[in-house]
C-alpha atoms as a PDB file:
ATOM      1  CA  MET A   1       8.641 -98.735  13.111  1.00  0.00           C
ATOM      2  CA  SER A   2       9.421 -97.335  16.305  1.00  0.00           C
ATOM      3  CA  THR A   3      12.956 -98.315  17.736  1.00  0.00           C
ATOM      4  CA  HIS A   4      11.633 -97.734  21.171  1.00  0.00           C
ATOM      5  CA  PRO A   5      10.481-100.955  22.884  1.00  0.00           C
ATOM      6  CA  GLN A   6       7.910 -99.449  24.847  1.00  0.00           C
ATOM      7  CA  SER A   7       5.799 -98.726  21.919  1.00  0.00           C
ATOM      8  CA  ALA A   8       5.486-102.524  21.380  1.00  0.00           C
ATOM      9  CA  GLY A   9       4.850-103.150  25.126  1.00  0.00           C
ATOM     10  CA  PHE A  10       8.409-103.953  26.335  1.00  0.00           C
ATOM     11  CA  PRO A  11       9.562-102.948  29.727  1.00  0.00           C
ATOM     12  CA  PRO A  12      11.454 -99.576  30.110  1.00  0.00           C
ATOM     13  CA  HIS A  13      15.059-101.172  30.450  1.00  0.00           C
ATOM     14  CA  HIS A  14      14.579-102.994  27.324  1.00  0.00           C
ATOM     15  CA  PRO A  15      17.443-102.004  24.755  1.00  0.00           C
ATOM     16  CA  PRO A  16      16.744-100.068  21.603  1.00  0.00           C
ATOM     17  CA  MET A  17      15.692-102.543  18.617  1.00  0.00           C
ATOM     18  CA  LYS A  18      16.546-102.214  15.094  1.00  0.00           C
ATOM     19  CA  THR A  19      13.819-104.762  13.882  1.00  0.00           C
ATOM     20  CA  LEU A  20      10.813-106.102  15.462  1.00  0.00           C
ATOM     21  CA  LEU A  21       8.643-108.927  14.021  1.00  0.00           C
ATOM     22  CA  ALA A  22       5.232-109.602  16.049  1.00  0.00           C
ATOM     23  CA  VAL A  23       2.727-112.208  15.274  1.00  0.00           C
ATOM     24  CA  PRO A  24      -0.880-112.590  16.974  1.00  0.00           C
ATOM     25  CA  ILE A  25      -1.318-116.253  18.780  1.00  0.00           C
ATOM     26  CA  ALA A  26      -5.170-116.405  17.738  1.00  0.00           C
ATOM     27  CA  ARG A  27      -7.752-118.894  16.682  1.00  0.00           C
ATOM     28  CA  HIS A  28     -11.149-118.306  15.890  1.00  0.00           C
ATOM     29  CA  ASP A  29     -11.190-114.618  16.778  1.00  0.00           C
ATOM     30  CA  ARG A  30      -9.676-115.397  20.345  1.00  0.00           C
ATOM     31  CA  VAL A  31      -6.271-113.755  20.874  1.00  0.00           C
ATOM     32  CA  TYR A  32      -4.102-115.503  23.257  1.00  0.00           C
ATOM     33  CA  GLY A  33      -1.208-113.405  23.059  1.00  0.00           C
ATOM     34  CA  ARG A  34       1.754-112.466  20.556  1.00  0.00           C
ATOM     35  CA  ILE A  35       5.179-113.640  19.503  1.00  0.00           C
ATOM     36  CA  TYR A  36       7.718-111.045  19.601  1.00  0.00           C
ATOM     37  CA  LEU A  37      10.969-111.480  17.802  1.00  0.00           C
ATOM     38  CA  SER A  38      13.460-108.646  18.267  1.00  0.00           C
ATOM     39  CA  ASP A  39      16.604-107.974  16.012  1.00  0.00           C
ATOM     40  CA  LYS A  40      18.466-111.287  14.122  1.00  0.00           C
ATOM     41  CA  GLU A  41      21.840-112.074  15.682  1.00  0.00           C
ATOM     42  CA  ASN A  42      23.227-111.291  12.266  1.00  0.00           C
ATOM     43  CA  GLY A  43      21.697-107.972  12.152  1.00  0.00           C
ATOM     44  CA  GLU A  44      19.371-108.691   9.056  1.00  0.00           C
ATOM     45  CA  LEU A  45      16.182-107.623   8.765  1.00  0.00           C
ATOM     46  CA  PHE A  46      13.165-109.818   9.266  1.00  0.00           C
ATOM     47  CA  GLY A  47      12.077-111.133   5.993  1.00  0.00           C
ATOM     48  CA  LYS A  48       8.666-112.797   4.665  1.00  0.00           C
ATOM     49  CA  GLN A  49      10.091-116.563   5.485  1.00  0.00           C
ATOM     50  CA  ASP A  50      10.699-115.469   9.067  1.00  0.00           C
ATOM     51  CA  GLU A  51       7.127-113.820   9.317  1.00  0.00           C
ATOM     52  CA  ASP A  52       5.668-117.265   7.812  1.00  0.00           C
ATOM     53  CA  LEU A  53       7.763-119.352  10.293  1.00  0.00           C
ATOM     54  CA  ALA A  54       6.766-117.208  13.123  1.00  0.00           C
ATOM     55  CA  LEU A  55       3.008-117.231  12.047  1.00  0.00           C
ATOM     56  CA  SER A  56       3.040-120.964  11.556  1.00  0.00           C
ATOM     57  CA  PHE A  57       4.573-121.324  15.300  1.00  0.00           C
ATOM     58  CA  ALA A  58       1.895-118.832  16.363  1.00  0.00           C
ATOM     59  CA  HIS A  59      -0.782-120.750  14.660  1.00  0.00           C
ATOM     60  CA  SER A  60       0.415-124.110  16.277  1.00  0.00           C
ATOM     61  CA  LEU A  61       0.647-122.614  19.571  1.00  0.00           C
ATOM     62  CA  SER A  62      -2.822-121.402  19.045  1.00  0.00           C
ATOM     63  CA  LEU A  63      -4.055-124.868  18.430  1.00  0.00           C
ATOM     64  CA  VAL A  64      -2.523-126.181  21.577  1.00  0.00           C
ATOM     65  CA  LEU A  65      -3.862-123.367  23.763  1.00  0.00           C
ATOM     66  CA  ASP A  66      -7.483-123.905  22.186  1.00  0.00           C
ATOM     67  CA  ASN A  67      -7.147-127.676  22.608  1.00  0.00           C
ATOM     68  CA  ALA A  68      -6.219-127.213  26.397  1.00  0.00           C
ATOM     69  CA  ARG A  69      -8.992-124.657  26.979  1.00  0.00           C
ATOM     70  CA  GLU A  70     -11.713-127.166  25.180  1.00  0.00           C
ATOM     71  CA  ILE A  71     -10.529-130.025  27.499  1.00  0.00           C
ATOM     72  CA  GLU A  72     -10.602-127.903  30.552  1.00  0.00           C
ATOM     73  CA  GLU A  73     -14.366-126.944  29.532  1.00  0.00           C
ATOM     74  CA  VAL A  74     -15.003-130.556  29.108  1.00  0.00           C
ATOM     75  CA  LYS A  75     -13.708-131.313  32.171  1.00  0.00           C
ATOM     76  CA  GLN A  76     -15.561-128.648  34.274  1.00  0.00           C
ATOM     77  CA  ALA A  77     -18.839-129.769  32.330  1.00  0.00           C
ATOM     78  CA  ARG A  78     -18.086-133.240  33.623  1.00  0.00           C
ATOM     79  CA  GLN A  79     -17.319-132.187  37.089  1.00  0.00           C
ATOM     80  CA  SER A  80     -20.730-129.952  36.894  1.00  0.00           C
ATOM     81  CA  LEU A  81     -22.785-133.185  35.439  1.00  0.00           C
ATOM     82  CA  ASP A  82     -21.248-135.227  38.072  1.00  0.00           C
ATOM     83  CA  TYR A  83     -22.199-133.036  40.999  1.00  0.00           C
ATOM     84  CA  MET A  84     -25.426-132.515  39.472  1.00  0.00           C
ATOM     85  CA  ALA A  85     -26.094-136.515  39.308  1.00  0.00           C
ATOM     86  CA  HIS A  86     -24.910-137.047  42.860  1.00  0.00           C
ATOM     87  CA  PHE A  87     -25.812-133.830  44.642  1.00  0.00           C
ATOM     88  CA  ASP A  88     -29.107-132.033  45.697  1.00  0.00           C
ATOM     89  CA  HIS A  89     -29.051-128.539  43.872  1.00  0.00           C
ATOM     90  CA  LEU A  90     -30.585-126.515  46.729  1.00  0.00           C
ATOM     91  CA  THR A  91     -28.648-127.968  49.843  1.00  0.00           C
ATOM     92  CA  GLY A  92     -25.752-129.359  48.466  1.00  0.00           C
ATOM     93  CA  LEU A  93     -26.245-132.705  50.400  1.00  0.00           C
ATOM     94  CA  PRO A  94     -25.829-136.207  48.611  1.00  0.00           C
ATOM     95  CA  ASN A  95     -29.060-137.293  46.958  1.00  0.00           C
ATOM     96  CA  ARG A  96     -30.718-140.655  46.398  1.00  0.00           C
ATOM     97  CA  THR A  97     -28.120-141.862  43.927  1.00  0.00           C
ATOM     98  CA  LEU A  98     -25.287-141.029  46.169  1.00  0.00           C
ATOM     99  CA  LEU A  99     -27.043-142.433  49.097  1.00  0.00           C
ATOM    100  CA  LYS A 100     -27.490-145.996  47.667  1.00  0.00           C
ATOM    101  CA  ASP A 101     -23.684-146.016  46.846  1.00  0.00           C
ATOM    102  CA  ARG A 102     -22.895-145.051  50.598  1.00  0.00           C
ATOM    103  CA  VAL A 103     -25.421-147.440  52.025  1.00  0.00           C
ATOM    104  CA  ASP A 104     -23.836-150.204  49.670  1.00  0.00           C
ATOM    105  CA  GLN A 105     -20.306-149.237  51.120  1.00  0.00           C
ATOM    106  CA  ALA A 106     -21.365-149.193  54.522  1.00  0.00           C
ATOM    107  CA  ILE A 107     -23.389-152.580  54.326  1.00  0.00           C
ATOM    108  CA  TYR A 108     -20.139-154.193  53.072  1.00  0.00           C
ATOM    109  CA  HIS A 109     -18.115-152.655  55.750  1.00  0.00           C
ATOM    110  CA  ALA A 110     -20.422-153.777  58.295  1.00  0.00           C
ATOM    111  CA  HIS A 111     -20.521-157.159  57.194  1.00  0.00           C
ATOM    112  CA  ARG A 112     -16.647-157.365  56.760  1.00  0.00           C
ATOM    113  CA  ASN A 113     -16.069-155.800  60.329  1.00  0.00           C
ATOM    114  CA  GLN A 114     -18.998-157.478  62.303  1.00  0.00           C
ATOM    115  CA  CYS A 115     -20.402-154.166  62.971  1.00  0.00           C
ATOM    116  CA  MET A 116     -23.626-152.461  62.557  1.00  0.00           C
ATOM    117  CA  ILE A 117     -25.079-149.171  60.868  1.00  0.00           C
ATOM    118  CA  GLY A 118     -27.588-146.985  61.412  1.00  0.00           C
ATOM    119  CA  VAL A 119     -30.302-145.209  59.160  1.00  0.00           C
ATOM    120  CA  LEU A 120     -32.264-142.507  60.261  1.00  0.00           C
ATOM    121  CA  PHE A 121     -35.321-141.051  58.412  1.00  0.00           C
ATOM    122  CA  LEU A 122     -35.932-137.477  59.079  1.00  0.00           C
ATOM    123  CA  ASP A 123     -39.269-135.865  57.823  1.00  0.00           C
ATOM    124  CA  LEU A 124     -40.134-132.155  58.706  1.00  0.00           C
ATOM    125  CA  ASP A 125     -43.537-131.934  60.023  1.00  0.00           C
ATOM    126  CA  ASN A 126     -46.260-129.353  58.636  1.00  0.00           C
ATOM    127  CA  PHE A 127     -43.482-128.433  55.963  1.00  0.00           C
ATOM    128  CA  LYS A 128     -46.247-127.484  53.198  1.00  0.00           C
ATOM    129  CA  VAL A 129     -47.642-125.006  55.678  1.00  0.00           C
ATOM    130  CA  VAL A 130     -44.227-123.101  55.631  1.00  0.00           C
ATOM    131  CA  ASN A 131     -44.348-123.212  51.755  1.00  0.00           C
ATOM    132  CA  ASP A 132     -47.993-122.508  51.593  1.00  0.00           C
ATOM    133  CA  THR A 133     -48.057-119.511  54.125  1.00  0.00           C
ATOM    134  CA  ILE A 134     -44.598-117.734  53.715  1.00  0.00           C
ATOM    135  CA  GLY A 135     -43.542-119.080  50.396  1.00  0.00           C
ATOM    136  CA  HIS A 136     -41.015-121.215  48.528  1.00  0.00           C
ATOM    137  CA  THR A 137     -38.032-118.722  49.114  1.00  0.00           C
ATOM    138  CA  CYS A 138     -38.509-119.149  52.775  1.00  0.00           C
ATOM    139  CA  GLY A 139     -39.035-122.910  52.508  1.00  0.00           C
ATOM    140  CA  ASP A 140     -35.904-123.203  50.710  1.00  0.00           C
ATOM    141  CA  ALA A 141     -34.288-121.250  53.374  1.00  0.00           C
ATOM    142  CA  LEU A 142     -35.476-123.281  56.048  1.00  0.00           C
ATOM    143  CA  LEU A 143     -34.322-126.552  54.065  1.00  0.00           C
ATOM    144  CA  LYS A 144     -30.773-125.374  53.664  1.00  0.00           C
ATOM    145  CA  SER A 145     -30.855-124.341  57.366  1.00  0.00           C
ATOM    146  CA  VAL A 146     -32.072-127.799  58.429  1.00  0.00           C
ATOM    147  CA  SER A 147     -29.179-129.492  55.859  1.00  0.00           C
ATOM    148  CA  GLN A 148     -26.953-127.448  57.734  1.00  0.00           C
ATOM    149  CA  ARG A 149     -27.773-128.082  61.196  1.00  0.00           C
ATOM    150  CA  ILE A 150     -27.858-131.798  60.516  1.00  0.00           C
ATOM    151  CA  SER A 151     -24.306-131.809  58.967  1.00  0.00           C
ATOM    152  CA  ASP A 152     -22.965-130.084  61.462  1.00  0.00           C
ATOM    153  CA  CYS A 153     -23.879-132.849  64.063  1.00  0.00           C
ATOM    154  CA  LEU A 154     -22.456-135.663  62.078  1.00  0.00           C
ATOM    155  CA  ARG A 155     -19.176-137.210  62.706  1.00  0.00           C
ATOM    156  CA  GLU A 156     -16.818-137.912  59.741  1.00  0.00           C
ATOM    157  CA  GLY A 157     -17.700-140.665  57.527  1.00  0.00           C
ATOM    158  CA  ASP A 158     -21.668-140.171  58.267  1.00  0.00           C
ATOM    159  CA  THR A 159     -23.477-139.120  55.572  1.00  0.00           C
ATOM    160  CA  ALA A 160     -26.840-136.665  55.444  1.00  0.00           C
ATOM    161  CA  VAL A 161     -28.834-137.099  52.401  1.00  0.00           C
ATOM    162  CA  ARG A 162     -31.632-135.017  51.202  1.00  0.00           C
ATOM    163  CA  LEU A 163     -34.057-137.406  49.556  1.00  0.00           C
ATOM    164  CA  GLY A 164     -36.271-134.697  48.396  1.00  0.00           C
ATOM    165  CA  GLY A 165     -39.064-132.277  49.642  1.00  0.00           C
ATOM    166  CA  ASP A 166     -38.829-132.126  53.395  1.00  0.00           C
ATOM    167  CA  GLU A 167     -37.328-135.598  53.816  1.00  0.00           C
ATOM    168  CA  PHE A 168     -33.834-136.440  54.841  1.00  0.00           C
ATOM    169  CA  ILE A 169     -31.808-139.677  55.276  1.00  0.00           C
ATOM    170  CA  VAL A 170     -28.757-139.869  57.746  1.00  0.00           C
ATOM    171  CA  LEU A 171     -26.234-142.942  57.387  1.00  0.00           C
ATOM    172  CA  LEU A 172     -24.409-143.751  60.379  1.00  0.00           C
ATOM    173  CA  PRO A 173     -21.601-146.326  59.709  1.00  0.00           C
ATOM    174  CA  ASP A 174     -19.947-148.283  62.810  1.00  0.00           C
END
């Protein structure tokens, strides 16, 4: 074992060590890091009991880190599923499911505040011709552009929705 701390990855200003115990923080072939223990206070060398204790701690820590990673993956998967359930994958606009919720909220608000709502239905004329003549890639680009233009015209609180194909709804509360 080297007494130079740099050989174990310590910074250059770290004092020389007499002993070093290093254990991996790992689980299922995934290494999160390492625990380094340097020089006991009483000057004794690290023994098997010290190594077992450090390995046990590293194992417990790896379980915590692994669980945190799994929780984060589940959270991200739920967010992704929620997005897919409520938004159109091509345009990023809300879809029919979210439209129903927004319409219900707007009706409730309008009834409570004695105001009106507007619902606009927009359909792109001859859109099929675009897909048939210059292709679906161009048709998709056109739908994205139209979606952005509609969104740019809305007030805060208004909702633009892609129903599907070339059909859009714009919900205008108040």
